[in-house]
Structures are given as C-alpha cells and as structure tokens.
Amino acid sequence: MILERVRQLPQERQDAIAAEMEFLLDHDPGAGLLTPEQEAELVRRLAEPDKQYLSHQDVHAYFAAKYGQ
C-alpha cells in the first residue's frame, strides 16, 4: 500500500509528499482524488499509524501457501 511506503520514508520526505498532495487538492477544482468513503477510510487508518494492514497480495500468498492454489 502506498501509505505504508510513505511511512517508511524519512520525515522530511513525508512532509514534502504531504505538501505536494495538499497543493494538488487545493488547486484542482475539477474533482477530489478520493471518494468520501475513501477519505473516511484514509482518516481512520491514519488515526492508528502503528496498526499493520495486510495487502491483498499478502493475504493471497498466505492462503495459497496454507491451502494451495
């Protein structure tokens, strides 16, 4: 997931990415990048930064290894 990759970057790089995203959101009158549901999910996940989430690929690999494909 992209957020996990960003969280692994140095803080100054995270700040630069956040500033760029904020600029894009503030200066794109066309449409938001996220649906309200996606934005709510993002807010929920960012509220728990230490919680680990599995990607679809990780879940698939786990079950493939456990039960076969």
C-alpha atoms as a PDB file:
ATOM      1  CA  MET A   1       0.000   0.000   0.000  1.00  0.00           C
ATOM      2  CA  ILE A   2       1.243   3.449  -0.822  1.00  0.00           C
ATOM      3  CA  LEU A   3       0.729   4.839   2.680  1.00  0.00           C
ATOM      4  CA  GLU A   4       2.942   2.158   4.154  1.00  0.00           C
ATOM      5  CA  ARG A   5       5.681   3.052   1.689  1.00  0.00           C
ATOM      6  CA  VAL A   6       5.370   6.732   2.563  1.00  0.00           C
ATOM      7  CA  ARG A   7       5.527   5.972   6.304  1.00  0.00           C
ATOM      8  CA  GLN A   8       8.867   4.255   5.753  1.00  0.00           C
ATOM      9  CA  LEU A   9      10.426   7.392   4.287  1.00  0.00           C
ATOM     10  CA  PRO A  10      12.340   9.945   6.365  1.00  0.00           C
ATOM     11  CA  GLN A  11      10.067  12.530   7.998  1.00  0.00           C
ATOM     12  CA  GLU A  12      11.264  15.374   5.761  1.00  0.00           C
ATOM     13  CA  ARG A  13      10.323  13.338   2.669  1.00  0.00           C
ATOM     14  CA  GLN A  14       6.917  12.526   4.172  1.00  0.00           C
ATOM     15  CA  ASP A  15       6.374  16.238   4.787  1.00  0.00           C
ATOM     16  CA  ALA A  16       7.279  17.055   1.175  1.00  0.00           C
ATOM     17  CA  ILE A  17       4.838  14.448  -0.140  1.00  0.00           C
ATOM     18  CA  ALA A  18       2.101  15.734   2.177  1.00  0.00           C
ATOM     19  CA  ALA A  19       2.706  19.305   0.986  1.00  0.00           C
ATOM     20  CA  GLU A  20       2.529  18.189  -2.644  1.00  0.00           C
ATOM     21  CA  MET A  21      -0.710  16.304  -2.039  1.00  0.00           C
ATOM     22  CA  GLU A  22      -2.183  19.300  -0.220  1.00  0.00           C
ATOM     23  CA  PHE A  23      -1.223  21.566  -3.128  1.00  0.00           C
ATOM     24  CA  LEU A  24      -2.868  19.210  -5.624  1.00  0.00           C
ATOM     25  CA  LEU A  25      -6.049  19.019  -3.563  1.00  0.00           C
ATOM     26  CA  ASP A  26      -6.203  22.793  -3.070  1.00  0.00           C
ATOM     27  CA  HIS A  27      -5.526  23.643  -6.722  1.00  0.00           C
ATOM     28  CA  ASP A  28      -7.580  21.051  -8.578  1.00  0.00           C
ATOM     29  CA  PRO A  29     -11.090  22.449  -8.795  1.00  0.00           C
ATOM     30  CA  GLY A  30     -12.152  19.587 -11.062  1.00  0.00           C
ATOM     31  CA  ALA A  31     -12.760  16.760  -8.632  1.00  0.00           C
ATOM     32  CA  GLY A  32     -11.377  15.331  -5.451  1.00  0.00           C
ATOM     33  CA  LEU A  33      -8.929  12.480  -5.734  1.00  0.00           C
ATOM     34  CA  LEU A  34     -10.806  10.364  -3.192  1.00  0.00           C
ATOM     35  CA  THR A  35     -14.449   9.492  -2.746  1.00  0.00           C
ATOM     36  CA  PRO A  36     -15.929  10.404   0.639  1.00  0.00           C
ATOM     37  CA  GLU A  37     -15.740   6.716   1.593  1.00  0.00           C
ATOM     38  CA  GLN A  38     -12.064   6.522   0.625  1.00  0.00           C
ATOM     39  CA  GLU A  39     -11.294   9.707   2.518  1.00  0.00           C
ATOM     40  CA  ALA A  40     -13.040   8.339   5.646  1.00  0.00           C
ATOM     41  CA  GLU A  41     -11.031   5.119   5.371  1.00  0.00           C
ATOM     42  CA  LEU A  42      -7.796   7.081   4.989  1.00  0.00           C
ATOM     43  CA  VAL A  43      -8.588   9.188   8.056  1.00  0.00           C
ATOM     44  CA  ARG A  44      -9.435   6.037  10.037  1.00  0.00           C
ATOM     45  CA  ARG A  45      -6.197   4.322   9.077  1.00  0.00           C
ATOM     46  CA  LEU A  46      -4.015   7.365   9.672  1.00  0.00           C
ATOM     47  CA  ALA A  47      -5.506   7.669  13.161  1.00  0.00           C
ATOM     48  CA  GLU A  48      -3.806   4.347  14.005  1.00  0.00           C
ATOM     49  CA  PRO A  49      -0.317   4.707  12.476  1.00  0.00           C
ATOM     50  CA  ASP A  50       1.141   1.722  14.331  1.00  0.00           C
ATOM     51  CA  LYS A  51      -1.514  -0.716  13.165  1.00  0.00           C
ATOM     52  CA  GLN A  52      -0.316  -3.027  10.418  1.00  0.00           C
ATOM     53  CA  TYR A  53      -2.558  -3.720   7.424  1.00  0.00           C
ATOM     54  CA  LEU A  54      -2.103  -6.607   5.022  1.00  0.00           C
ATOM     55  CA  SER A  55      -2.198  -6.087   1.300  1.00  0.00           C
ATOM     56  CA  HIS A  56      -4.347  -8.227  -0.951  1.00  0.00           C
ATOM     57  CA  GLN A  57      -1.171  -9.900  -2.232  1.00  0.00           C
ATOM     58  CA  ASP A  58      -0.112 -10.796   1.328  1.00  0.00           C
ATOM     59  CA  VAL A  59      -3.484 -12.346   2.124  1.00  0.00           C
ATOM     60  CA  HIS A  60      -3.489 -14.246  -1.160  1.00  0.00           C
ATOM     61  CA  ALA A  61       0.038 -15.539  -0.575  1.00  0.00           C
ATOM     62  CA  TYR A  62      -0.855 -16.667   2.941  1.00  0.00           C
ATOM     63  CA  PHE A  63      -3.884 -18.672   1.830  1.00  0.00           C
ATOM     64  CA  ALA A  64      -2.102 -20.021  -1.242  1.00  0.00           C
ATOM     65  CA  ALA A  65       0.727 -21.286   0.970  1.00  0.00           C
ATOM     66  CA  LYS A  66      -1.677 -22.709   3.544  1.00  0.00           C
ATOM     67  CA  TYR A  67      -4.292 -24.264   1.237  1.00  0.00           C
ATOM     68  CA  GLY A  68      -2.673 -24.314  -2.195  1.00  0.00           C
ATOM     69  CA  GLN A  69      -3.985 -22.529  -5.241  1.00  0.00           C
END
